Each structure stands twice: as structure tokens, then as C-alpha cells.
């Protein structure tokens, strides 16, 4: 939902997929071998 007075915080599909893959690997310092 978009709260009253707030910007939409919705993501695109590929942004959400990145949140579970490439971004997760980056956060782990494993993006040189994981997430793709």
C-alpha cells in the first residue's frame, strides 16, 4: 500500500529479484561468485 502523504515504495519485478540475488550477494561480500 501507499500511505497517505507518502511516495510509492513499490519496486519493479527485476528490482525485487535483484533484492534476493545480486544485492544479497553484495551484502555478503560474495558478489564475485554468487547471485548471478
ModelCIF file with pLDDT and N, C-alpha, C, O atoms, coordinates in Angstrom:
data_MODEL
#
_entry.id   MODEL 
#
_entity.id                         1 
_entity.type                       polymer 
_entity.pdbx_number_of_molecules   1 
#
_entity_poly.entity_id                      1 
_entity_poly.type                           'polypeptide(L)' 
_entity_poly.nstd_linkage                   no 
_entity_poly.nstd_monomer                   no 
_entity_poly.pdbx_seq_one_letter_code       
;(UNK)(UNK)(UNK)(UNK)(UNK)(UNK)(UNK)(UNK)(UNK)(UNK)(UNK)(UNK)(UNK)(UNK)(UNK)(UNK)
(UNK)(UNK)(UNK)(UNK)(UNK)(UNK)(UNK)(UNK)(UNK)(UNK)(UNK)(UNK)(UNK)(UNK)(UNK)(UNK)
(UNK)(UNK)(UNK)(UNK)
;
_entity_poly.pdbx_seq_one_letter_code_can   XXXXXXXXXXXXXXXXXXXXXXXXXXXXXXXXXXXX 
_entity_poly.pdbx_strand_id                 A 
#
loop_
_entity_poly_seq.entity_id 
_entity_poly_seq.num 
_entity_poly_seq.mon_id 
_entity_poly_seq.hetero 
1 1  UNK n 
1 2  UNK n 
1 3  UNK n 
1 4  UNK n 
1 5  UNK n 
1 6  UNK n 
1 7  UNK n 
1 8  UNK n 
1 9  UNK n 
1 10 UNK n 
1 11 UNK n 
1 12 UNK n 
1 13 UNK n 
1 14 UNK n 
1 15 UNK n 
1 16 UNK n 
1 17 UNK n 
1 18 UNK n 
1 19 UNK n 
1 20 UNK n 
1 21 UNK n 
1 22 UNK n 
1 23 UNK n 
1 24 UNK n 
1 25 UNK n 
1 26 UNK n 
1 27 UNK n 
1 28 UNK n 
1 29 UNK n 
1 30 UNK n 
1 31 UNK n 
1 32 UNK n 
1 33 UNK n 
1 34 UNK n 
1 35 UNK n 
1 36 UNK n 
#
_struct_asym.id          A 
_struct_asym.entity_id   1 
#
loop_
_ma_qa_metric.id 
_ma_qa_metric.mode 
_ma_qa_metric.name 
_ma_qa_metric.software_group_id 
_ma_qa_metric.type 
1 global pLDDT . pLDDT 
2 local  pLDDT . pLDDT 
#
_ma_qa_metric_global.metric_id      1 
_ma_qa_metric_global.metric_value   97.89 
_ma_qa_metric_global.model_id       1 
_ma_qa_metric_global.ordinal_id     1 
#
loop_
_ma_qa_metric_local.label_asym_id 
_ma_qa_metric_local.label_comp_id 
_ma_qa_metric_local.label_seq_id 
_ma_qa_metric_local.metric_id 
_ma_qa_metric_local.metric_value 
_ma_qa_metric_local.model_id 
_ma_qa_metric_local.ordinal_id 
A UNK 1  2 98.00 1 1  
A UNK 2  2 98.00 1 2  
A UNK 3  2 98.00 1 3  
A UNK 4  2 97.00 1 4  
A UNK 5  2 97.00 1 5  
A UNK 6  2 97.00 1 6  
A UNK 7  2 97.00 1 7  
A UNK 8  2 98.00 1 8  
A UNK 9  2 98.00 1 9  
A UNK 10 2 98.00 1 10 
A UNK 11 2 98.00 1 11 
A UNK 12 2 98.00 1 12 
A UNK 13 2 98.00 1 13 
A UNK 14 2 98.00 1 14 
A UNK 15 2 98.00 1 15 
A UNK 16 2 98.00 1 16 
A UNK 17 2 98.00 1 17 
A UNK 18 2 98.00 1 18 
A UNK 19 2 98.00 1 19 
A UNK 20 2 98.00 1 20 
A UNK 21 2 98.00 1 21 
A UNK 22 2 98.00 1 22 
A UNK 23 2 98.00 1 23 
A UNK 24 2 98.00 1 24 
A UNK 25 2 98.00 1 25 
A UNK 26 2 98.00 1 26 
A UNK 27 2 98.00 1 27 
A UNK 28 2 98.00 1 28 
A UNK 29 2 98.00 1 29 
A UNK 30 2 98.00 1 30 
A UNK 31 2 98.00 1 31 
A UNK 32 2 98.00 1 32 
A UNK 33 2 98.00 1 33 
A UNK 34 2 98.00 1 34 
A UNK 35 2 98.00 1 35 
A UNK 36 2 98.00 1 36 
#
loop_
_atom_site.group_PDB 
_atom_site.id 
_atom_site.type_symbol 
_atom_site.label_atom_id 
_atom_site.label_alt_id 
_atom_site.label_comp_id 
_atom_site.label_asym_id 
_atom_site.label_entity_id 
_atom_site.label_seq_id 
_atom_site.pdbx_PDB_ins_code 
_atom_site.Cartn_x 
_atom_site.Cartn_y 
_atom_site.Cartn_z 
_atom_site.occupancy 
_atom_site.B_iso_or_equiv 
_atom_site.pdbx_formal_charge 
_atom_site.auth_seq_id 
_atom_site.auth_comp_id 
_atom_site.auth_asym_id 
_atom_site.auth_atom_id 
_atom_site.pdbx_PDB_model_num 
ATOM 1   N N  . UNK A 1 1  ? 0.820  -1.219  0.000   1.00 98.00 ? 1  UNK A N  1 
ATOM 2   C CA . UNK A 1 1  ? 0.000  0.000   0.000   1.00 98.00 ? 1  UNK A CA 1 
ATOM 3   C C  . UNK A 1 1  ? 0.849  1.261   0.000   1.00 98.00 ? 1  UNK A C  1 
ATOM 4   O O  . UNK A 1 1  ? 2.008  1.258   0.413   1.00 98.00 ? 1  UNK A O  1 
ATOM 5   N N  . UNK A 1 2  ? 0.240  2.335   -0.473  1.00 98.00 ? 2  UNK A N  1 
ATOM 6   C CA . UNK A 1 2  ? 0.876  3.657   -0.452  1.00 98.00 ? 2  UNK A CA 1 
ATOM 7   C C  . UNK A 1 2  ? 0.204  4.445   0.666   1.00 98.00 ? 2  UNK A C  1 
ATOM 8   O O  . UNK A 1 2  ? -1.000 4.697   0.610   1.00 98.00 ? 2  UNK A O  1 
ATOM 9   N N  . UNK A 1 3  ? 0.960  4.829   1.664   1.00 98.00 ? 3  UNK A N  1 
ATOM 10  C CA . UNK A 1 3  ? 0.379  5.502   2.821   1.00 98.00 ? 3  UNK A CA 1 
ATOM 11  C C  . UNK A 1 3  ? 0.059  6.961   2.494   1.00 98.00 ? 3  UNK A C  1 
ATOM 12  O O  . UNK A 1 3  ? 0.688  7.570   1.629   1.00 98.00 ? 3  UNK A O  1 
ATOM 13  N N  . UNK A 1 4  ? -0.928 7.506   3.199   1.00 97.00 ? 4  UNK A N  1 
ATOM 14  C CA . UNK A 1 4  ? -1.333 8.886   2.990   1.00 97.00 ? 4  UNK A CA 1 
ATOM 15  C C  . UNK A 1 4  ? -0.133 9.832   3.099   1.00 97.00 ? 4  UNK A C  1 
ATOM 16  O O  . UNK A 1 4  ? 0.599  9.806   4.088   1.00 97.00 ? 4  UNK A O  1 
ATOM 17  N N  . UNK A 1 5  ? 0.056  10.654  2.086   1.00 97.00 ? 5  UNK A N  1 
ATOM 18  C CA . UNK A 1 5  ? 1.126  11.641  2.100   1.00 97.00 ? 5  UNK A CA 1 
ATOM 19  C C  . UNK A 1 5  ? 2.493  11.099  1.737   1.00 97.00 ? 5  UNK A C  1 
ATOM 20  O O  . UNK A 1 5  ? 3.480  11.833  1.769   1.00 97.00 ? 5  UNK A O  1 
ATOM 21  N N  . UNK A 1 6  ? 2.562  9.813   1.389   1.00 97.00 ? 6  UNK A N  1 
ATOM 22  C CA . UNK A 1 6  ? 3.862  9.180   1.109   1.00 97.00 ? 6  UNK A CA 1 
ATOM 23  C C  . UNK A 1 6  ? 4.036  8.893   -0.376  1.00 97.00 ? 6  UNK A C  1 
ATOM 24  O O  . UNK A 1 6  ? 3.060  8.781   -1.118  1.00 97.00 ? 6  UNK A O  1 
ATOM 25  N N  . UNK A 1 7  ? 5.287  8.777   -0.795  1.00 97.00 ? 7  UNK A N  1 
ATOM 26  C CA . UNK A 1 7  ? 5.588  8.310   -2.142  1.00 97.00 ? 7  UNK A CA 1 
ATOM 27  C C  . UNK A 1 7  ? 5.365  6.805   -2.209  1.00 97.00 ? 7  UNK A C  1 
ATOM 28  O O  . UNK A 1 7  ? 5.419  6.114   -1.192  1.00 97.00 ? 7  UNK A O  1 
ATOM 29  N N  . UNK A 1 8  ? 5.114  6.306   -3.411  1.00 98.00 ? 8  UNK A N  1 
ATOM 30  C CA . UNK A 1 8  ? 5.045  4.857   -3.589  1.00 98.00 ? 8  UNK A CA 1 
ATOM 31  C C  . UNK A 1 8  ? 6.429  4.259   -3.349  1.00 98.00 ? 8  UNK A C  1 
ATOM 32  O O  . UNK A 1 8  ? 7.430  4.755   -3.866  1.00 98.00 ? 8  UNK A O  1 
ATOM 33  N N  . UNK A 1 9  ? 6.470  3.194   -2.562  1.00 98.00 ? 9  UNK A N  1 
ATOM 34  C CA . UNK A 1 9  ? 7.727  2.489   -2.314  1.00 98.00 ? 9  UNK A CA 1 
ATOM 35  C C  . UNK A 1 9  ? 7.764  1.162   -3.058  1.00 98.00 ? 9  UNK A C  1 
ATOM 36  O O  . UNK A 1 9  ? 8.635  0.330   -2.803  1.00 98.00 ? 9  UNK A O  1 
ATOM 37  N N  . UNK A 1 10 ? 6.826  0.963   -3.973  1.00 98.00 ? 10 UNK A N  1 
ATOM 38  C CA . UNK A 1 10 ? 6.768  -0.289  -4.729  1.00 98.00 ? 10 UNK A CA 1 
ATOM 39  C C  . UNK A 1 10 ? 7.980  -0.431  -5.641  1.00 98.00 ? 10 UNK A C  1 
ATOM 40  O O  . UNK A 1 10 ? 8.515  0.549   -6.159  1.00 98.00 ? 10 UNK A O  1 
ATOM 41  N N  . UNK A 1 11 ? 8.392  -1.675  -5.819  1.00 98.00 ? 11 UNK A N  1 
ATOM 42  C CA . UNK A 1 11 ? 9.524  -1.972  -6.690  1.00 98.00 ? 11 UNK A CA 1 
ATOM 43  C C  . UNK A 1 11 ? 9.034  -2.593  -7.989  1.00 98.00 ? 11 UNK A C  1 
ATOM 44  O O  . UNK A 1 11 ? 7.893  -3.046  -8.081  1.00 98.00 ? 11 UNK A O  1 
ATOM 45  N N  . UNK A 1 12 ? 9.907  -2.610  -8.994  1.00 98.00 ? 12 UNK A N  1 
ATOM 46  C CA . UNK A 1 12 ? 9.633  -3.386  -10.200 1.00 98.00 ? 12 UNK A CA 1 
ATOM 47  C C  . UNK A 1 12 ? 9.996  -4.842  -9.919  1.00 98.00 ? 12 UNK A C  1 
ATOM 48  O O  . UNK A 1 12 ? 10.665 -5.153  -8.934  1.00 98.00 ? 12 UNK A O  1 
ATOM 49  N N  . UNK A 1 13 ? 9.543  -5.720  -10.799 1.00 98.00 ? 13 UNK A N  1 
ATOM 50  C CA . UNK A 1 13 ? 9.851  -7.139  -10.626 1.00 98.00 ? 13 UNK A CA 1 
ATOM 51  C C  . UNK A 1 13 ? 11.352 -7.372  -10.586 1.00 98.00 ? 13 UNK A C  1 
ATOM 52  O O  . UNK A 1 13 ? 11.842 -8.099  -9.721  1.00 98.00 ? 13 UNK A O  1 
ATOM 53  N N  . UNK A 1 14 ? 12.092 -6.764  -11.514 1.00 98.00 ? 14 UNK A N  1 
ATOM 54  C CA . UNK A 1 14 ? 13.526 -7.038  -11.568 1.00 98.00 ? 14 UNK A CA 1 
ATOM 55  C C  . UNK A 1 14 ? 14.273 -6.418  -10.391 1.00 98.00 ? 14 UNK A C  1 
ATOM 56  O O  . UNK A 1 14 ? 15.297 -6.951  -9.962  1.00 98.00 ? 14 UNK A O  1 
ATOM 57  N N  . UNK A 1 15 ? 13.781 -5.310  -9.867  1.00 98.00 ? 15 UNK A N  1 
ATOM 58  C CA . UNK A 1 15 ? 14.379 -4.753  -8.653  1.00 98.00 ? 15 UNK A CA 1 
ATOM 59  C C  . UNK A 1 15 ? 14.171 -5.704  -7.477  1.00 98.00 ? 15 UNK A C  1 
ATOM 60  O O  . UNK A 1 15 ? 15.075 -5.902  -6.665  1.00 98.00 ? 15 UNK A O  1 
ATOM 61  N N  . UNK A 1 16 ? 12.977 -6.290  -7.387  1.00 98.00 ? 16 UNK A N  1 
ATOM 62  C CA . UNK A 1 16 ? 12.707 -7.238  -6.304  1.00 98.00 ? 16 UNK A CA 1 
ATOM 63  C C  . UNK A 1 16 ? 13.550 -8.498  -6.456  1.00 98.00 ? 16 UNK A C  1 
ATOM 64  O O  . UNK A 1 16 ? 14.081 -9.011  -5.471  1.00 98.00 ? 16 UNK A O  1 
ATOM 65  N N  . UNK A 1 17 ? 13.676 -9.002  -7.684  1.00 98.00 ? 17 UNK A N  1 
ATOM 66  C CA . UNK A 1 17 ? 14.513 -10.190 -7.907  1.00 98.00 ? 17 UNK A CA 1 
ATOM 67  C C  . UNK A 1 17 ? 15.970 -9.902  -7.540  1.00 98.00 ? 17 UNK A C  1 
ATOM 68  O O  . UNK A 1 17 ? 16.649 -10.751 -6.961  1.00 98.00 ? 17 UNK A O  1 
ATOM 69  N N  . UNK A 1 18 ? 16.447 -8.703  -7.878  1.00 98.00 ? 18 UNK A N  1 
ATOM 70  C CA . UNK A 1 18 ? 17.815 -8.331  -7.509  1.00 98.00 ? 18 UNK A CA 1 
ATOM 71  C C  . UNK A 1 18 ? 17.979 -8.315  -5.998  1.00 98.00 ? 18 UNK A C  1 
ATOM 72  O O  . UNK A 1 18 ? 19.040 -8.667  -5.481  1.00 98.00 ? 18 UNK A O  1 
ATOM 73  N N  . UNK A 1 19 ? 16.917 -7.902  -5.279  1.00 98.00 ? 19 UNK A N  1 
ATOM 74  C CA . UNK A 1 19 ? 16.985 -7.873  -3.818  1.00 98.00 ? 19 UNK A CA 1 
ATOM 75  C C  . UNK A 1 19 ? 17.221 -9.225  -3.200  1.00 98.00 ? 19 UNK A C  1 
ATOM 76  O O  . UNK A 1 19 ? 17.743 -9.321  -2.089  1.00 98.00 ? 19 UNK A O  1 
ATOM 77  N N  . UNK A 1 20 ? 16.839 -10.287 -3.914  1.00 98.00 ? 20 UNK A N  1 
ATOM 78  C CA . UNK A 1 20 ? 17.024 -11.659 -3.423  1.00 98.00 ? 20 UNK A CA 1 
ATOM 79  C C  . UNK A 1 20 ? 18.214 -12.366 -4.073  1.00 98.00 ? 20 UNK A C  1 
ATOM 80  O O  . UNK A 1 20 ? 18.487 -13.527 -3.770  1.00 98.00 ? 20 UNK A O  1 
ATOM 81  N N  . UNK A 1 21 ? 18.926 -11.665 -4.969  1.00 98.00 ? 21 UNK A N  1 
ATOM 82  C CA . UNK A 1 21 ? 20.024 -12.335 -5.683  1.00 98.00 ? 21 UNK A CA 1 
ATOM 83  C C  . UNK A 1 21 ? 21.289 -11.474 -5.663  1.00 98.00 ? 21 UNK A C  1 
ATOM 84  O O  . UNK A 1 21 ? 22.131 -11.634 -4.779  1.00 98.00 ? 21 UNK A O  1 
ATOM 85  N N  . UNK A 1 22 ? 21.426 -10.574 -6.618  1.00 98.00 ? 22 UNK A N  1 
ATOM 86  C CA . UNK A 1 22 ? 22.666 -9.802  -6.729  1.00 98.00 ? 22 UNK A CA 1 
ATOM 87  C C  . UNK A 1 22 ? 22.903 -8.920  -5.507  1.00 98.00 ? 22 UNK A C  1 
ATOM 88  O O  . UNK A 1 22 ? 24.031 -8.820  -5.025  1.00 98.00 ? 22 UNK A O  1 
ATOM 89  N N  . UNK A 1 23 ? 21.856 -8.283  -5.005  1.00 98.00 ? 23 UNK A N  1 
ATOM 90  C CA . UNK A 1 23 ? 22.030 -7.428  -3.830  1.00 98.00 ? 23 UNK A CA 1 
ATOM 91  C C  . UNK A 1 23 ? 22.383 -8.250  -2.599  1.00 98.00 ? 23 UNK A C  1 
ATOM 92  O O  . UNK A 1 23 ? 23.199 -7.834  -1.777  1.00 98.00 ? 23 UNK A O  1 
ATOM 93  N N  . UNK A 1 24 ? 21.763 -9.418  -2.478  1.00 98.00 ? 24 UNK A N  1 
ATOM 94  C CA . UNK A 1 24 ? 22.098 -10.291 -1.360  1.00 98.00 ? 24 UNK A CA 1 
ATOM 95  C C  . UNK A 1 24 ? 23.549 -10.727 -1.386  1.00 98.00 ? 24 UNK A C  1 
ATOM 96  O O  . UNK A 1 24 ? 24.210 -10.780 -0.349  1.00 98.00 ? 24 UNK A O  1 
ATOM 97  N N  . UNK A 1 25 ? 24.046 -11.041 -2.582  1.00 98.00 ? 25 UNK A N  1 
ATOM 98  C CA . UNK A 1 25 ? 25.454 -11.434 -2.702  1.00 98.00 ? 25 UNK A CA 1 
ATOM 99  C C  . UNK A 1 25 ? 26.372 -10.263 -2.367  1.00 98.00 ? 25 UNK A C  1 
ATOM 100 O O  . UNK A 1 25 ? 27.395 -10.443 -1.706  1.00 98.00 ? 25 UNK A O  1 
ATOM 101 N N  . UNK A 1 26 ? 26.010 -9.073  -2.819  1.00 98.00 ? 26 UNK A N  1 
ATOM 102 C CA . UNK A 1 26 ? 26.812 -7.891  -2.492  1.00 98.00 ? 26 UNK A CA 1 
ATOM 103 C C  . UNK A 1 26 ? 26.892 -7.707  -0.980  1.00 98.00 ? 26 UNK A C  1 
ATOM 104 O O  . UNK A 1 26 ? 27.969 -7.459  -0.438  1.00 98.00 ? 26 UNK A O  1 
ATOM 105 N N  . UNK A 1 27 ? 25.769 -7.826  -0.309  1.00 98.00 ? 27 UNK A N  1 
ATOM 106 C CA . UNK A 1 27 ? 25.747 -7.624  1.141   1.00 98.00 ? 27 UNK A CA 1 
ATOM 107 C C  . UNK A 1 27 ? 26.599 -8.637  1.876   1.00 98.00 ? 27 UNK A C  1 
ATOM 108 O O  . UNK A 1 27 ? 27.067 -8.370  2.983   1.00 98.00 ? 27 UNK A O  1 
ATOM 109 N N  . UNK A 1 28 ? 26.807 -9.794  1.273   1.00 98.00 ? 28 UNK A N  1 
ATOM 110 C CA . UNK A 1 28 ? 27.635 -10.856 1.868   1.00 98.00 ? 28 UNK A CA 1 
ATOM 111 C C  . UNK A 1 28 ? 29.113 -10.758 1.491   1.00 98.00 ? 28 UNK A C  1 
ATOM 112 O O  . UNK A 1 28 ? 29.923 -11.531 2.002   1.00 98.00 ? 28 UNK A O  1 
ATOM 113 N N  . UNK A 1 29 ? 29.476 -9.842  0.624   1.00 98.00 ? 29 UNK A N  1 
ATOM 114 C CA . UNK A 1 29 ? 30.829 -9.811  0.034   1.00 98.00 ? 29 UNK A CA 1 
ATOM 115 C C  . UNK A 1 29 ? 31.087 -11.057 -0.813  1.00 98.00 ? 29 UNK A C  1 
ATOM 116 O O  . UNK A 1 29 ? 32.230 -11.499 -0.921  1.00 98.00 ? 29 UNK A O  1 
ATOM 117 N N  . UNK A 1 30 ? 30.039 -11.629 -1.414  1.00 98.00 ? 30 UNK A N  1 
ATOM 118 C CA . UNK A 1 30 ? 30.231 -12.820 -2.255  1.00 98.00 ? 30 UNK A CA 1 
ATOM 119 C C  . UNK A 1 30 ? 29.786 -12.567 -3.687  1.00 98.00 ? 30 UNK A C  1 
ATOM 120 O O  . UNK A 1 30 ? 29.526 -13.511 -4.433  1.00 98.00 ? 30 UNK A O  1 
ATOM 121 N N  . UNK A 1 31 ? 29.697 -11.292 -4.079  1.00 98.00 ? 31 UNK A N  1 
ATOM 122 C CA . UNK A 1 31 ? 29.198 -10.970 -5.407  1.00 98.00 ? 31 UNK A CA 1 
ATOM 123 C C  . UNK A 1 31 ? 30.180 -11.320 -6.514  1.00 98.00 ? 31 UNK A C  1 
ATOM 124 O O  . UNK A 1 31 ? 29.855 -11.161 -7.691  1.00 98.00 ? 31 UNK A O  1 
ATOM 125 N N  . UNK A 1 32 ? 31.373 -11.791 -6.170  1.00 98.00 ? 32 UNK A N  1 
ATOM 126 C CA . UNK A 1 32 ? 32.319 -12.242 -7.189  1.00 98.00 ? 32 UNK A CA 1 
ATOM 127 C C  . UNK A 1 32 ? 32.096 -13.708 -7.554  1.00 98.00 ? 32 UNK A C  1 
ATOM 128 O O  . UNK A 1 32 ? 32.789 -14.236 -8.424  1.00 98.00 ? 32 UNK A O  1 
ATOM 129 N N  . UNK A 1 33 ? 31.141 -14.371 -6.906  1.00 98.00 ? 33 UNK A N  1 
ATOM 130 C CA . UNK A 1 33 ? 30.916 -15.796 -7.162  1.00 98.00 ? 33 UNK A CA 1 
ATOM 131 C C  . UNK A 1 33 ? 29.474 -16.247 -6.910  1.00 98.00 ? 33 UNK A C  1 
ATOM 132 O O  . UNK A 1 33 ? 29.183 -17.441 -6.978  1.00 98.00 ? 33 UNK A O  1 
ATOM 133 N N  . UNK A 1 34 ? 28.591 -15.329 -6.627  1.00 98.00 ? 34 UNK A N  1 
ATOM 134 C CA . UNK A 1 34 ? 27.232 -15.701 -6.240  1.00 98.00 ? 34 UNK A CA 1 
ATOM 135 C C  . UNK A 1 34 ? 26.264 -14.610 -6.670  1.00 98.00 ? 34 UNK A C  1 
ATOM 136 O O  . UNK A 1 34 ? 26.652 -13.455 -6.842  1.00 98.00 ? 34 UNK A O  1 
ATOM 137 N N  . UNK A 1 35 ? 25.002 -14.987 -6.843  1.00 98.00 ? 35 UNK A N  1 
ATOM 138 C CA . UNK A 1 35 ? 23.960 -14.010 -7.149  1.00 98.00 ? 35 UNK A CA 1 
ATOM 139 C C  . UNK A 1 35 ? 23.646 -13.871 -8.626  1.00 98.00 ? 35 UNK A C  1 
ATOM 140 O O  . UNK A 1 35 ? 22.679 -13.200 -8.988  1.00 98.00 ? 35 UNK A O  1 
ATOM 141 N N  . UNK A 1 36 ? 24.453 -14.500 -9.500  1.00 98.00 ? 36 UNK A N  1 
ATOM 142 C CA . UNK A 1 36 ? 24.214 -14.474 -10.948 1.00 98.00 ? 36 UNK A CA 1 
ATOM 143 C C  . UNK A 1 36 ? 24.394 -15.877 -11.513 1.00 98.00 ? 36 UNK A C  1 
ATOM 144 O O  . UNK A 1 36 ? 24.239 -16.083 -12.716 1.00 98.00 ? 36 UNK A O  1 
#
